[in-house]
């Protein structure tokens, strides 16, 4: 079910929780230099939450299929880990491709965003991947208009990604943000396990 919000609620989400998310992601990216650990990045994000009196929709999140609650406020996925990996103290190296995913709850509303970047010296293939995902995001945003469905948005994103020569994770859906929590929209099941959190957190069916 899609949860509809008023224009005032959307503006409040951007000004409150959304602003906290943006600040935390900037701080995390600025801190991510060779020799830093993923646990340190999680601490940087936690400090931003504390400074604003905001909560985390990630910390202690425990869906029924997960063996234990998520133990951090930030997801940090390095190189081959696709998404939702736990910041476990891995030390970053020059050239690492990193994805960070962060959420905040403030004044009863939730904000959430992810960002990919390269630590230090970037490889051309990583720059191309980030460029393609930025373009896919823009296409998805452009598809958000009256009369369109969530499927139309997903198709717009997929068309750009596949057109650039990339595959997609058929088992992973997107999610919306609501009042204090994230609302997930599932997609078709797939047999492969491609998610970083499959090693550390998710169930054998690799649902995230």
N, C-alpha and C. Protein backbone atom coordinates (compact mmCIF):
# COMPACT_ATOMS: atom_id res chain seq x y z
N UNK A 1 0.84 -1.19 0.00
CA UNK A 1 0.00 0.00 0.00
C UNK A 1 0.88 1.25 0.00
N UNK A 2 0.60 2.18 -0.89
CA UNK A 2 1.32 3.44 -0.94
C UNK A 2 0.71 4.39 0.07
N UNK A 3 1.54 4.98 0.90
CA UNK A 3 1.07 5.91 1.92
C UNK A 3 1.15 7.33 1.37
N UNK A 4 0.00 7.96 1.16
CA UNK A 4 -0.03 9.31 0.61
C UNK A 4 0.28 10.34 1.68
N UNK A 5 0.98 11.39 1.31
CA UNK A 5 1.33 12.46 2.24
C UNK A 5 0.88 13.79 1.66
N UNK A 6 0.61 14.72 2.54
CA UNK A 6 0.23 16.06 2.10
C UNK A 6 1.48 16.82 1.66
N UNK A 7 1.25 17.91 0.94
CA UNK A 7 2.38 18.73 0.52
C UNK A 7 3.16 19.24 1.73
N UNK A 8 2.43 19.61 2.78
CA UNK A 8 3.08 20.11 3.99
C UNK A 8 3.94 19.03 4.64
N UNK A 9 3.46 17.78 4.63
CA UNK A 9 4.24 16.69 5.21
C UNK A 9 5.50 16.44 4.41
N UNK A 10 5.39 16.50 3.10
CA UNK A 10 6.57 16.29 2.25
C UNK A 10 7.61 17.38 2.50
N UNK A 11 7.15 18.62 2.61
CA UNK A 11 8.08 19.72 2.89
C UNK A 11 8.72 19.55 4.26
N UNK A 12 7.94 19.08 5.24
CA UNK A 12 8.46 18.86 6.59
C UNK A 12 9.49 17.74 6.61
N UNK A 13 9.25 16.69 5.81
CA UNK A 13 10.21 15.59 5.71
C UNK A 13 11.55 16.09 5.18
N UNK A 14 11.50 16.94 4.17
CA UNK A 14 12.73 17.45 3.57
C UNK A 14 13.47 18.37 4.54
N UNK A 15 12.72 19.22 5.24
CA UNK A 15 13.34 20.21 6.12
C UNK A 15 13.87 19.60 7.40
N UNK A 16 13.29 18.49 7.85
CA UNK A 16 13.69 17.90 9.13
C UNK A 16 14.53 16.64 8.90
N UNK A 17 13.87 15.50 8.77
CA UNK A 17 14.60 14.24 8.62
C UNK A 17 15.48 14.23 7.37
N UNK A 18 14.97 14.76 6.27
CA UNK A 18 15.75 14.79 5.04
C UNK A 18 17.03 15.60 5.18
N UNK A 19 16.96 16.71 5.89
CA UNK A 19 18.15 17.53 6.09
C UNK A 19 19.18 16.81 6.95
N UNK A 20 18.71 16.05 7.94
CA UNK A 20 19.62 15.27 8.78
C UNK A 20 20.32 14.19 7.95
N UNK A 21 19.57 13.53 7.09
CA UNK A 21 20.15 12.50 6.22
C UNK A 21 21.21 13.11 5.32
N UNK A 22 20.90 14.24 4.71
CA UNK A 22 21.86 14.90 3.81
C UNK A 22 23.14 15.28 4.55
N UNK A 23 22.98 15.83 5.75
CA UNK A 23 24.16 16.21 6.53
C UNK A 23 25.00 14.99 6.90
N UNK A 24 24.33 13.91 7.30
CA UNK A 24 25.07 12.71 7.70
C UNK A 24 25.82 12.10 6.52
N UNK A 25 25.19 12.05 5.36
CA UNK A 25 25.87 11.48 4.19
C UNK A 25 27.08 12.32 3.80
N UNK A 26 26.95 13.63 3.87
CA UNK A 26 28.10 14.49 3.57
C UNK A 26 29.24 14.23 4.56
N UNK A 27 28.88 14.10 5.84
CA UNK A 27 29.89 13.87 6.87
C UNK A 27 30.57 12.51 6.67
N UNK A 28 29.79 11.50 6.34
CA UNK A 28 30.34 10.15 6.14
C UNK A 28 31.30 10.14 4.95
N UNK A 29 30.87 10.72 3.84
CA UNK A 29 31.73 10.75 2.64
C UNK A 29 33.02 11.51 2.94
N UNK A 30 32.92 12.62 3.66
CA UNK A 30 34.10 13.39 3.99
C UNK A 30 35.06 12.64 4.91
N UNK A 31 34.54 11.73 5.70
CA UNK A 31 35.36 10.97 6.64
C UNK A 31 35.95 9.72 6.02
N UNK A 32 35.43 9.31 4.88
CA UNK A 32 35.82 8.03 4.27
C UNK A 32 37.12 8.17 3.48
N UNK A 33 38.22 8.07 4.17
CA UNK A 33 39.54 8.14 3.55
C UNK A 33 40.27 6.83 3.80
N UNK A 34 41.29 6.51 3.01
CA UNK A 34 42.04 5.28 3.23
C UNK A 34 42.54 5.17 4.66
N UNK A 35 42.33 4.01 5.27
CA UNK A 35 42.74 3.79 6.65
C UNK A 35 41.61 3.93 7.65
N UNK A 36 40.52 4.57 7.27
CA UNK A 36 39.34 4.65 8.14
C UNK A 36 38.57 3.33 8.06
N UNK A 37 37.82 3.03 9.09
CA UNK A 37 37.04 1.80 9.09
C UNK A 37 35.57 2.08 8.86
N UNK A 38 34.85 1.06 8.42
CA UNK A 38 33.40 1.22 8.22
C UNK A 38 32.70 1.48 9.55
N UNK A 39 33.23 0.95 10.65
CA UNK A 39 32.65 1.23 11.97
C UNK A 39 32.78 2.70 12.33
N UNK A 40 33.90 3.32 11.92
CA UNK A 40 34.06 4.75 12.16
C UNK A 40 33.03 5.56 11.39
N UNK A 41 32.71 5.14 10.17
CA UNK A 41 31.69 5.84 9.39
C UNK A 41 30.34 5.76 10.08
N UNK A 42 30.03 4.60 10.66
CA UNK A 42 28.78 4.44 11.39
C UNK A 42 28.73 5.39 12.59
N UNK A 43 29.85 5.56 13.26
CA UNK A 43 29.91 6.45 14.41
C UNK A 43 29.70 7.91 13.98
N UNK A 44 30.27 8.28 12.84
CA UNK A 44 30.07 9.63 12.32
C UNK A 44 28.58 9.89 12.07
N UNK A 45 27.90 8.92 11.46
CA UNK A 45 26.47 9.07 11.19
C UNK A 45 25.67 9.13 12.48
N UNK A 46 26.05 8.31 13.47
CA UNK A 46 25.35 8.31 14.76
C UNK A 46 25.49 9.65 15.46
N UNK A 47 26.65 10.28 15.32
CA UNK A 47 26.86 11.59 15.94
C UNK A 47 25.96 12.65 15.34
N UNK A 48 25.72 12.57 14.04
CA UNK A 48 24.81 13.53 13.40
C UNK A 48 23.39 13.34 13.93
N UNK A 49 22.96 12.09 14.06
CA UNK A 49 21.64 11.83 14.63
C UNK A 49 21.53 12.44 16.03
N UNK A 50 22.53 12.18 16.86
CA UNK A 50 22.49 12.67 18.24
C UNK A 50 22.46 14.18 18.30
N UNK A 51 23.21 14.81 17.42
CA UNK A 51 23.28 16.27 17.42
C UNK A 51 21.92 16.90 17.13
N UNK A 52 21.11 16.22 16.33
CA UNK A 52 19.80 16.76 15.97
C UNK A 52 18.66 16.15 16.78
N UNK A 53 18.98 15.26 17.69
CA UNK A 53 17.93 14.60 18.47
C UNK A 53 17.06 13.70 17.61
N UNK A 54 17.63 13.14 16.55
CA UNK A 54 16.89 12.28 15.62
C UNK A 54 17.10 10.81 15.95
N UNK A 55 16.17 9.97 15.51
CA UNK A 55 16.28 8.54 15.70
C UNK A 55 16.71 7.84 14.42
N UNK A 56 16.96 6.54 14.54
CA UNK A 56 17.38 5.75 13.38
C UNK A 56 16.35 4.69 13.05
N UNK A 57 15.87 4.64 11.81
CA UNK A 57 14.96 3.56 11.40
C UNK A 57 15.72 2.27 11.11
N UNK A 58 17.05 2.32 11.07
CA UNK A 58 17.86 1.14 10.78
C UNK A 58 18.24 0.39 12.06
N UNK A 59 18.69 1.12 13.07
CA UNK A 59 19.20 0.51 14.29
C UNK A 59 18.12 -0.33 14.96
N UNK A 60 18.45 -1.59 15.19
CA UNK A 60 17.55 -2.57 15.83
C UNK A 60 16.35 -2.96 14.97
N UNK A 61 16.36 -2.58 13.69
CA UNK A 61 15.32 -3.05 12.79
C UNK A 61 15.42 -4.57 12.68
N UNK A 62 14.31 -5.27 12.89
CA UNK A 62 14.37 -6.74 12.96
C UNK A 62 13.15 -7.35 12.28
N UNK A 63 13.20 -7.49 10.95
CA UNK A 63 12.12 -8.19 10.26
C UNK A 63 12.12 -9.66 10.66
N UNK A 64 11.01 -10.33 10.42
CA UNK A 64 10.83 -11.70 10.91
C UNK A 64 11.83 -12.67 10.32
N UNK A 65 12.35 -12.40 9.10
CA UNK A 65 13.25 -13.33 8.45
C UNK A 65 14.71 -13.15 8.83
N UNK A 66 15.03 -12.05 9.52
CA UNK A 66 16.43 -11.78 9.86
C UNK A 66 16.81 -12.51 11.15
N UNK A 67 18.03 -13.06 11.22
CA UNK A 67 18.44 -13.79 12.41
C UNK A 67 18.63 -12.91 13.63
N UNK A 68 18.87 -11.61 13.43
CA UNK A 68 19.06 -10.69 14.55
C UNK A 68 18.77 -9.27 14.09
N UNK A 69 18.57 -8.36 15.03
CA UNK A 69 18.32 -6.97 14.63
C UNK A 69 19.53 -6.35 13.94
N UNK A 70 19.27 -5.37 13.07
CA UNK A 70 20.37 -4.67 12.42
C UNK A 70 21.09 -3.84 13.48
N UNK A 71 22.42 -3.95 13.58
CA UNK A 71 23.14 -3.39 14.73
C UNK A 71 23.71 -1.99 14.54
N UNK A 72 23.35 -1.29 13.48
CA UNK A 72 24.00 -0.01 13.19
C UNK A 72 22.98 0.99 12.67
N UNK A 73 23.41 2.26 12.56
CA UNK A 73 22.55 3.30 12.00
C UNK A 73 22.84 3.51 10.52
N UNK A 74 23.92 2.91 10.03
CA UNK A 74 24.39 3.12 8.67
C UNK A 74 24.68 1.78 8.01
N UNK A 75 24.28 1.63 6.75
CA UNK A 75 24.70 0.49 5.95
C UNK A 75 25.92 0.92 5.14
N UNK A 76 26.98 0.11 5.15
CA UNK A 76 28.19 0.43 4.40
C UNK A 76 28.58 -0.79 3.58
N UNK A 77 28.48 -0.67 2.27
CA UNK A 77 28.77 -1.79 1.37
C UNK A 77 30.00 -1.44 0.53
N UNK A 78 31.02 -2.29 0.60
CA UNK A 78 32.30 -2.00 -0.04
C UNK A 78 32.55 -2.97 -1.20
N UNK A 79 32.87 -2.42 -2.35
CA UNK A 79 33.24 -3.18 -3.55
C UNK A 79 32.17 -4.20 -3.92
N UNK A 80 32.40 -5.49 -3.73
CA UNK A 80 31.47 -6.51 -4.20
C UNK A 80 30.20 -6.65 -3.40
N UNK A 81 30.11 -6.05 -2.22
CA UNK A 81 28.87 -6.09 -1.45
C UNK A 81 27.89 -5.10 -2.07
N UNK A 82 26.73 -5.59 -2.52
CA UNK A 82 25.84 -4.74 -3.30
C UNK A 82 25.14 -3.70 -2.45
N UNK A 83 24.56 -4.12 -1.33
CA UNK A 83 23.73 -3.20 -0.56
C UNK A 83 23.52 -3.75 0.84
N UNK A 84 23.27 -2.84 1.81
CA UNK A 84 22.82 -3.21 3.16
C UNK A 84 23.83 -4.00 3.97
N UNK A 85 25.12 -3.81 3.73
CA UNK A 85 26.11 -4.52 4.53
C UNK A 85 26.30 -3.81 5.87
N UNK A 86 26.69 -4.60 6.87
CA UNK A 86 26.89 -4.08 8.22
C UNK A 86 28.28 -3.44 8.34
N UNK A 87 28.39 -2.24 8.93
CA UNK A 87 29.70 -1.64 9.16
C UNK A 87 30.44 -2.39 10.26
N UNK A 88 31.29 -3.32 9.86
CA UNK A 88 31.89 -4.28 10.79
C UNK A 88 33.33 -3.98 11.15
N UNK A 89 33.83 -2.83 10.78
CA UNK A 89 35.21 -2.49 11.10
C UNK A 89 36.17 -2.68 9.96
N UNK A 90 35.69 -3.07 8.78
CA UNK A 90 36.57 -3.21 7.62
C UNK A 90 37.29 -1.89 7.36
N UNK A 91 38.58 -1.96 7.12
CA UNK A 91 39.38 -0.77 6.86
C UNK A 91 39.34 -0.43 5.37
N UNK A 92 39.06 0.81 5.06
CA UNK A 92 38.95 1.25 3.67
C UNK A 92 40.33 1.44 3.05
N UNK A 93 40.42 1.13 1.77
CA UNK A 93 41.67 1.28 1.03
C UNK A 93 41.46 2.20 -0.16
N UNK A 94 42.54 2.75 -0.66
CA UNK A 94 42.47 3.61 -1.84
C UNK A 94 41.84 2.85 -3.01
N UNK A 95 40.86 3.48 -3.65
CA UNK A 95 40.19 2.87 -4.79
C UNK A 95 38.95 2.07 -4.45
N UNK A 96 38.62 1.92 -3.17
CA UNK A 96 37.42 1.17 -2.79
C UNK A 96 36.17 1.90 -3.29
N UNK A 97 35.24 1.13 -3.85
CA UNK A 97 33.93 1.64 -4.23
C UNK A 97 32.99 1.39 -3.05
N UNK A 98 32.40 2.45 -2.53
CA UNK A 98 31.61 2.36 -1.30
C UNK A 98 30.19 2.87 -1.54
N UNK A 99 29.22 2.14 -1.00
CA UNK A 99 27.84 2.60 -0.98
C UNK A 99 27.41 2.75 0.47
N UNK A 100 26.85 3.90 0.82
CA UNK A 100 26.35 4.12 2.17
C UNK A 100 24.85 4.42 2.09
N UNK A 101 24.11 3.84 3.01
CA UNK A 101 22.66 3.99 3.06
C UNK A 101 22.31 4.42 4.48
N UNK A 102 21.52 5.48 4.60
CA UNK A 102 21.29 6.07 5.93
C UNK A 102 19.87 6.60 6.03
N UNK A 103 19.29 6.47 7.21
CA UNK A 103 17.95 6.99 7.45
C UNK A 103 17.89 7.73 8.78
N UNK A 104 16.89 8.60 8.90
CA UNK A 104 16.67 9.33 10.14
C UNK A 104 15.18 9.53 10.35
N UNK A 105 14.77 9.53 11.61
CA UNK A 105 13.39 9.87 11.96
C UNK A 105 13.41 11.11 12.85
N UNK A 106 12.58 12.07 12.53
CA UNK A 106 12.54 13.31 13.27
C UNK A 106 11.14 13.92 13.16
N UNK A 107 10.58 14.29 14.29
CA UNK A 107 9.25 14.90 14.34
C UNK A 107 8.19 14.01 13.69
N UNK A 108 8.34 12.71 13.90
CA UNK A 108 7.34 11.77 13.42
C UNK A 108 7.43 11.40 11.97
N UNK A 109 8.44 11.88 11.25
CA UNK A 109 8.59 11.57 9.83
C UNK A 109 9.98 11.00 9.57
N UNK A 110 10.10 10.28 8.47
CA UNK A 110 11.31 9.55 8.15
C UNK A 110 11.97 10.08 6.88
N UNK A 111 13.29 10.08 6.86
CA UNK A 111 14.06 10.40 5.66
C UNK A 111 15.06 9.28 5.42
N UNK A 112 15.40 9.02 4.18
CA UNK A 112 16.31 7.93 3.86
C UNK A 112 16.93 8.18 2.49
N UNK A 113 18.23 7.95 2.36
CA UNK A 113 18.91 8.11 1.07
C UNK A 113 20.19 7.29 1.08
N UNK A 114 20.69 7.01 -0.11
CA UNK A 114 21.95 6.29 -0.26
C UNK A 114 22.85 7.05 -1.21
N UNK A 115 24.16 6.78 -1.10
CA UNK A 115 25.11 7.44 -1.98
C UNK A 115 26.29 6.51 -2.23
N UNK A 116 26.77 6.50 -3.45
CA UNK A 116 27.95 5.72 -3.80
C UNK A 116 29.10 6.67 -4.15
N UNK A 117 30.31 6.27 -3.78
CA UNK A 117 31.48 7.11 -4.03
C UNK A 117 32.72 6.23 -4.00
N UNK A 118 33.83 6.80 -4.43
CA UNK A 118 35.10 6.08 -4.44
C UNK A 118 36.03 6.71 -3.42
N UNK A 119 36.70 5.88 -2.64
CA UNK A 119 37.69 6.35 -1.68
C UNK A 119 39.01 6.57 -2.41
N UNK A 120 39.49 7.80 -2.42
CA UNK A 120 40.78 8.07 -3.05
C UNK A 120 40.71 8.02 -4.56
N UNK A 121 41.59 7.25 -5.17
CA UNK A 121 41.75 7.19 -6.62
C UNK A 121 40.66 6.32 -7.26
N UNK A 122 39.89 6.91 -8.15
CA UNK A 122 38.76 6.19 -8.76
C UNK A 122 39.19 5.46 -10.02
N UNK A 123 38.65 4.26 -10.21
CA UNK A 123 38.83 3.51 -11.45
C UNK A 123 37.75 3.94 -12.44
N UNK A 124 38.08 3.89 -13.71
CA UNK A 124 37.14 4.37 -14.73
C UNK A 124 35.83 3.60 -14.70
N UNK A 125 35.88 2.29 -14.44
CA UNK A 125 34.64 1.51 -14.42
C UNK A 125 33.75 1.90 -13.24
N UNK A 126 34.34 2.32 -12.14
CA UNK A 126 33.54 2.76 -11.01
C UNK A 126 32.90 4.11 -11.27
N UNK A 127 33.64 4.99 -11.92
CA UNK A 127 33.09 6.29 -12.31
C UNK A 127 31.91 6.10 -13.26
N UNK A 128 32.04 5.18 -14.20
CA UNK A 128 30.96 4.91 -15.15
C UNK A 128 29.74 4.34 -14.46
N UNK A 129 29.95 3.45 -13.49
CA UNK A 129 28.83 2.87 -12.76
C UNK A 129 28.06 3.94 -11.99
N UNK A 130 28.78 4.80 -11.29
CA UNK A 130 28.12 5.86 -10.53
C UNK A 130 27.37 6.81 -11.46
N UNK A 131 27.97 7.14 -12.59
CA UNK A 131 27.30 8.02 -13.57
C UNK A 131 26.01 7.39 -14.06
N UNK A 132 26.04 6.09 -14.36
CA UNK A 132 24.84 5.42 -14.85
C UNK A 132 23.75 5.37 -13.80
N UNK A 133 24.13 5.15 -12.55
CA UNK A 133 23.10 5.10 -11.50
C UNK A 133 22.51 6.49 -11.23
N UNK A 134 23.34 7.53 -11.36
CA UNK A 134 22.81 8.89 -11.23
C UNK A 134 21.78 9.17 -12.33
N UNK A 135 22.09 8.73 -13.54
CA UNK A 135 21.17 8.94 -14.66
C UNK A 135 19.90 8.11 -14.48
N UNK A 136 20.03 6.90 -13.93
CA UNK A 136 18.86 6.07 -13.68
C UNK A 136 17.97 6.71 -12.61
N UNK A 137 18.59 7.27 -11.58
CA UNK A 137 17.83 7.96 -10.54
C UNK A 137 17.06 9.14 -11.13
N UNK A 138 17.72 9.92 -11.98
CA UNK A 138 17.06 11.07 -12.61
C UNK A 138 15.87 10.62 -13.45
N UNK A 139 16.03 9.49 -14.14
CA UNK A 139 14.93 8.97 -14.96
C UNK A 139 13.76 8.53 -14.08
N UNK A 140 14.08 7.91 -12.96
CA UNK A 140 13.02 7.50 -12.04
C UNK A 140 12.27 8.68 -11.47
N UNK A 141 13.00 9.72 -11.09
CA UNK A 141 12.35 10.93 -10.56
C UNK A 141 11.47 11.57 -11.62
N UNK A 142 11.95 11.59 -12.86
CA UNK A 142 11.16 12.19 -13.95
C UNK A 142 9.88 11.42 -14.20
N UNK A 143 9.87 10.13 -13.85
CA UNK A 143 8.68 9.29 -14.07
C UNK A 143 7.65 9.44 -12.95
N UNK A 144 7.99 10.17 -11.91
CA UNK A 144 7.05 10.40 -10.81
C UNK A 144 6.11 11.53 -11.22
N UNK A 145 4.99 11.17 -11.78
CA UNK A 145 4.02 12.17 -12.21
C UNK A 145 2.62 11.57 -12.16
N UNK A 146 1.60 12.41 -12.10
CA UNK A 146 0.24 11.90 -12.00
C UNK A 146 -0.09 10.92 -13.11
N UNK A 147 -0.72 9.81 -12.75
CA UNK A 147 -1.12 8.80 -13.70
C UNK A 147 -0.15 7.65 -13.83
N UNK A 148 1.09 7.85 -13.41
CA UNK A 148 2.07 6.77 -13.46
C UNK A 148 1.98 5.87 -12.23
N UNK A 149 2.53 4.67 -12.36
CA UNK A 149 2.54 3.71 -11.26
C UNK A 149 3.97 3.50 -10.77
N UNK A 150 4.11 2.76 -9.67
CA UNK A 150 5.43 2.40 -9.19
C UNK A 150 6.17 1.59 -10.26
N UNK A 151 5.42 0.79 -11.01
CA UNK A 151 6.02 0.02 -12.08
C UNK A 151 6.60 0.90 -13.17
N UNK A 152 5.94 2.01 -13.48
CA UNK A 152 6.46 2.95 -14.47
C UNK A 152 7.79 3.55 -14.00
N UNK A 153 7.87 3.84 -12.71
CA UNK A 153 9.11 4.40 -12.15
C UNK A 153 10.23 3.37 -12.24
N UNK A 154 9.91 2.13 -11.84
CA UNK A 154 10.90 1.07 -11.91
C UNK A 154 11.37 0.81 -13.33
N UNK A 155 10.43 0.87 -14.29
CA UNK A 155 10.79 0.64 -15.68
C UNK A 155 11.73 1.73 -16.19
N UNK A 156 11.47 2.98 -15.80
CA UNK A 156 12.33 4.08 -16.24
C UNK A 156 13.75 3.90 -15.71
N UNK A 157 13.86 3.48 -14.46
CA UNK A 157 15.18 3.25 -13.87
C UNK A 157 15.88 2.10 -14.56
N UNK A 158 15.15 1.00 -14.74
CA UNK A 158 15.74 -0.20 -15.34
C UNK A 158 16.19 0.04 -16.77
N UNK A 159 15.42 0.83 -17.52
CA UNK A 159 15.77 1.07 -18.92
C UNK A 159 17.11 1.77 -19.03
N UNK A 160 17.36 2.73 -18.15
CA UNK A 160 18.65 3.43 -18.19
C UNK A 160 19.78 2.50 -17.78
N UNK A 161 19.56 1.74 -16.71
CA UNK A 161 20.61 0.84 -16.21
C UNK A 161 20.96 -0.23 -17.24
N UNK A 162 19.93 -0.86 -17.81
CA UNK A 162 20.19 -1.91 -18.80
C UNK A 162 20.78 -1.31 -20.08
N UNK A 163 20.33 -0.10 -20.43
CA UNK A 163 20.87 0.55 -21.61
C UNK A 163 22.35 0.86 -21.48
N UNK A 164 22.82 1.02 -20.24
CA UNK A 164 24.24 1.29 -20.00
C UNK A 164 25.04 0.00 -19.86
N UNK A 165 24.34 -1.14 -19.98
CA UNK A 165 25.03 -2.42 -19.93
C UNK A 165 25.09 -3.09 -18.58
N UNK A 166 24.27 -2.62 -17.63
CA UNK A 166 24.30 -3.19 -16.28
C UNK A 166 23.11 -4.10 -16.05
N UNK A 167 23.28 -5.09 -15.20
CA UNK A 167 22.18 -5.93 -14.78
C UNK A 167 21.50 -5.34 -13.55
N UNK A 168 20.41 -5.97 -13.13
CA UNK A 168 19.65 -5.51 -11.98
C UNK A 168 19.42 -6.67 -11.02
N UNK A 169 19.21 -6.35 -9.75
CA UNK A 169 18.90 -7.37 -8.75
C UNK A 169 17.41 -7.62 -8.76
N UNK A 170 17.00 -8.72 -9.39
CA UNK A 170 15.57 -8.99 -9.53
C UNK A 170 14.89 -9.23 -8.20
N UNK A 171 15.65 -9.60 -7.18
CA UNK A 171 15.05 -9.96 -5.89
C UNK A 171 14.87 -8.76 -4.96
N UNK A 172 15.38 -7.62 -5.35
CA UNK A 172 15.36 -6.46 -4.45
C UNK A 172 14.37 -5.42 -4.94
N UNK A 173 13.48 -5.01 -4.05
CA UNK A 173 12.53 -3.96 -4.38
C UNK A 173 12.98 -2.63 -3.79
N UNK A 174 12.26 -1.59 -4.14
CA UNK A 174 12.52 -0.29 -3.54
C UNK A 174 11.65 -0.12 -2.31
N UNK A 175 11.74 1.03 -1.71
CA UNK A 175 10.86 1.29 -0.57
C UNK A 175 10.53 2.77 -0.49
N UNK A 176 9.43 3.03 0.13
CA UNK A 176 9.04 4.40 0.40
C UNK A 176 9.41 4.76 1.82
N UNK A 177 9.21 6.01 2.18
CA UNK A 177 9.43 6.43 3.55
C UNK A 177 8.15 7.02 4.09
N UNK A 178 7.90 6.77 5.35
CA UNK A 178 6.64 7.21 5.93
C UNK A 178 6.81 7.87 7.28
N UNK A 179 5.85 7.66 8.11
CA UNK A 179 5.85 8.25 9.45
C UNK A 179 6.59 7.33 10.40
N UNK A 180 7.84 7.62 10.64
CA UNK A 180 8.76 6.96 11.57
C UNK A 180 9.37 5.67 11.04
N UNK A 181 8.97 5.16 9.88
CA UNK A 181 9.58 3.91 9.44
C UNK A 181 9.60 3.82 7.93
N UNK A 182 10.37 2.84 7.44
CA UNK A 182 10.48 2.58 6.01
C UNK A 182 9.44 1.56 5.61
N UNK A 183 8.80 1.75 4.48
CA UNK A 183 7.83 0.80 3.96
C UNK A 183 8.41 0.16 2.70
N UNK A 184 8.60 -1.16 2.74
CA UNK A 184 9.25 -1.87 1.65
C UNK A 184 8.25 -2.39 0.64
N UNK A 185 8.62 -2.33 -0.64
CA UNK A 185 7.82 -2.87 -1.72
C UNK A 185 8.57 -4.02 -2.36
N UNK A 186 8.11 -5.27 -2.19
CA UNK A 186 8.85 -6.42 -2.70
C UNK A 186 8.78 -6.54 -4.22
N UNK A 187 9.73 -7.30 -4.77
CA UNK A 187 9.72 -7.61 -6.19
C UNK A 187 9.73 -9.12 -6.35
N UNK A 188 9.87 -9.59 -7.60
CA UNK A 188 9.89 -11.02 -7.86
C UNK A 188 11.06 -11.70 -7.16
N UNK A 189 10.85 -12.94 -6.79
CA UNK A 189 11.93 -13.70 -6.16
C UNK A 189 12.96 -14.09 -7.20
N UNK A 190 14.20 -14.26 -6.77
CA UNK A 190 15.27 -14.72 -7.65
C UNK A 190 16.16 -15.67 -6.85
N UNK A 191 16.72 -16.67 -7.48
CA UNK A 191 17.49 -17.66 -6.74
C UNK A 191 18.85 -17.20 -6.28
N UNK A 192 19.42 -16.19 -6.97
CA UNK A 192 20.80 -15.83 -6.64
C UNK A 192 20.86 -15.01 -5.37
N UNK A 193 21.99 -15.06 -4.71
CA UNK A 193 22.24 -14.21 -3.54
C UNK A 193 23.28 -13.18 -3.96
N UNK A 194 22.88 -11.93 -4.05
CA UNK A 194 23.80 -10.91 -4.53
C UNK A 194 24.00 -9.78 -3.54
N UNK A 195 23.29 -9.83 -2.42
CA UNK A 195 23.31 -8.72 -1.48
C UNK A 195 24.41 -8.88 -0.45
N UNK A 196 25.08 -7.79 -0.12
CA UNK A 196 26.13 -7.86 0.87
C UNK A 196 25.63 -8.36 2.21
N UNK A 197 24.41 -7.97 2.59
CA UNK A 197 23.92 -8.36 3.90
C UNK A 197 23.57 -9.84 3.93
N UNK A 198 23.56 -10.52 2.81
CA UNK A 198 23.32 -11.96 2.83
C UNK A 198 24.36 -12.70 3.63
N UNK A 199 25.58 -12.14 3.68
CA UNK A 199 26.63 -12.80 4.44
C UNK A 199 26.45 -12.58 5.94
N UNK A 200 25.90 -11.42 6.29
CA UNK A 200 25.97 -11.04 7.69
C UNK A 200 24.63 -10.90 8.38
N UNK A 201 23.56 -10.69 7.63
CA UNK A 201 22.33 -10.30 8.32
C UNK A 201 21.08 -10.97 7.76
N UNK A 202 20.95 -11.07 6.45
CA UNK A 202 19.66 -11.50 5.91
C UNK A 202 19.50 -13.00 5.92
N UNK A 203 18.30 -13.42 5.57
CA UNK A 203 17.95 -14.83 5.63
C UNK A 203 18.49 -15.59 4.42
N UNK A 204 18.42 -16.93 4.43
CA UNK A 204 18.88 -17.71 3.28
C UNK A 204 18.15 -17.36 1.98
N UNK A 205 16.97 -16.78 2.08
CA UNK A 205 16.26 -16.41 0.85
C UNK A 205 16.76 -15.07 0.30
N UNK A 206 17.69 -14.46 1.01
CA UNK A 206 18.36 -13.20 0.62
C UNK A 206 17.42 -12.02 0.50
N UNK A 207 16.33 -12.04 1.26
CA UNK A 207 15.46 -10.86 1.25
C UNK A 207 16.10 -9.77 2.09
N UNK A 208 16.00 -8.53 1.60
CA UNK A 208 16.60 -7.40 2.33
C UNK A 208 15.55 -6.39 2.72
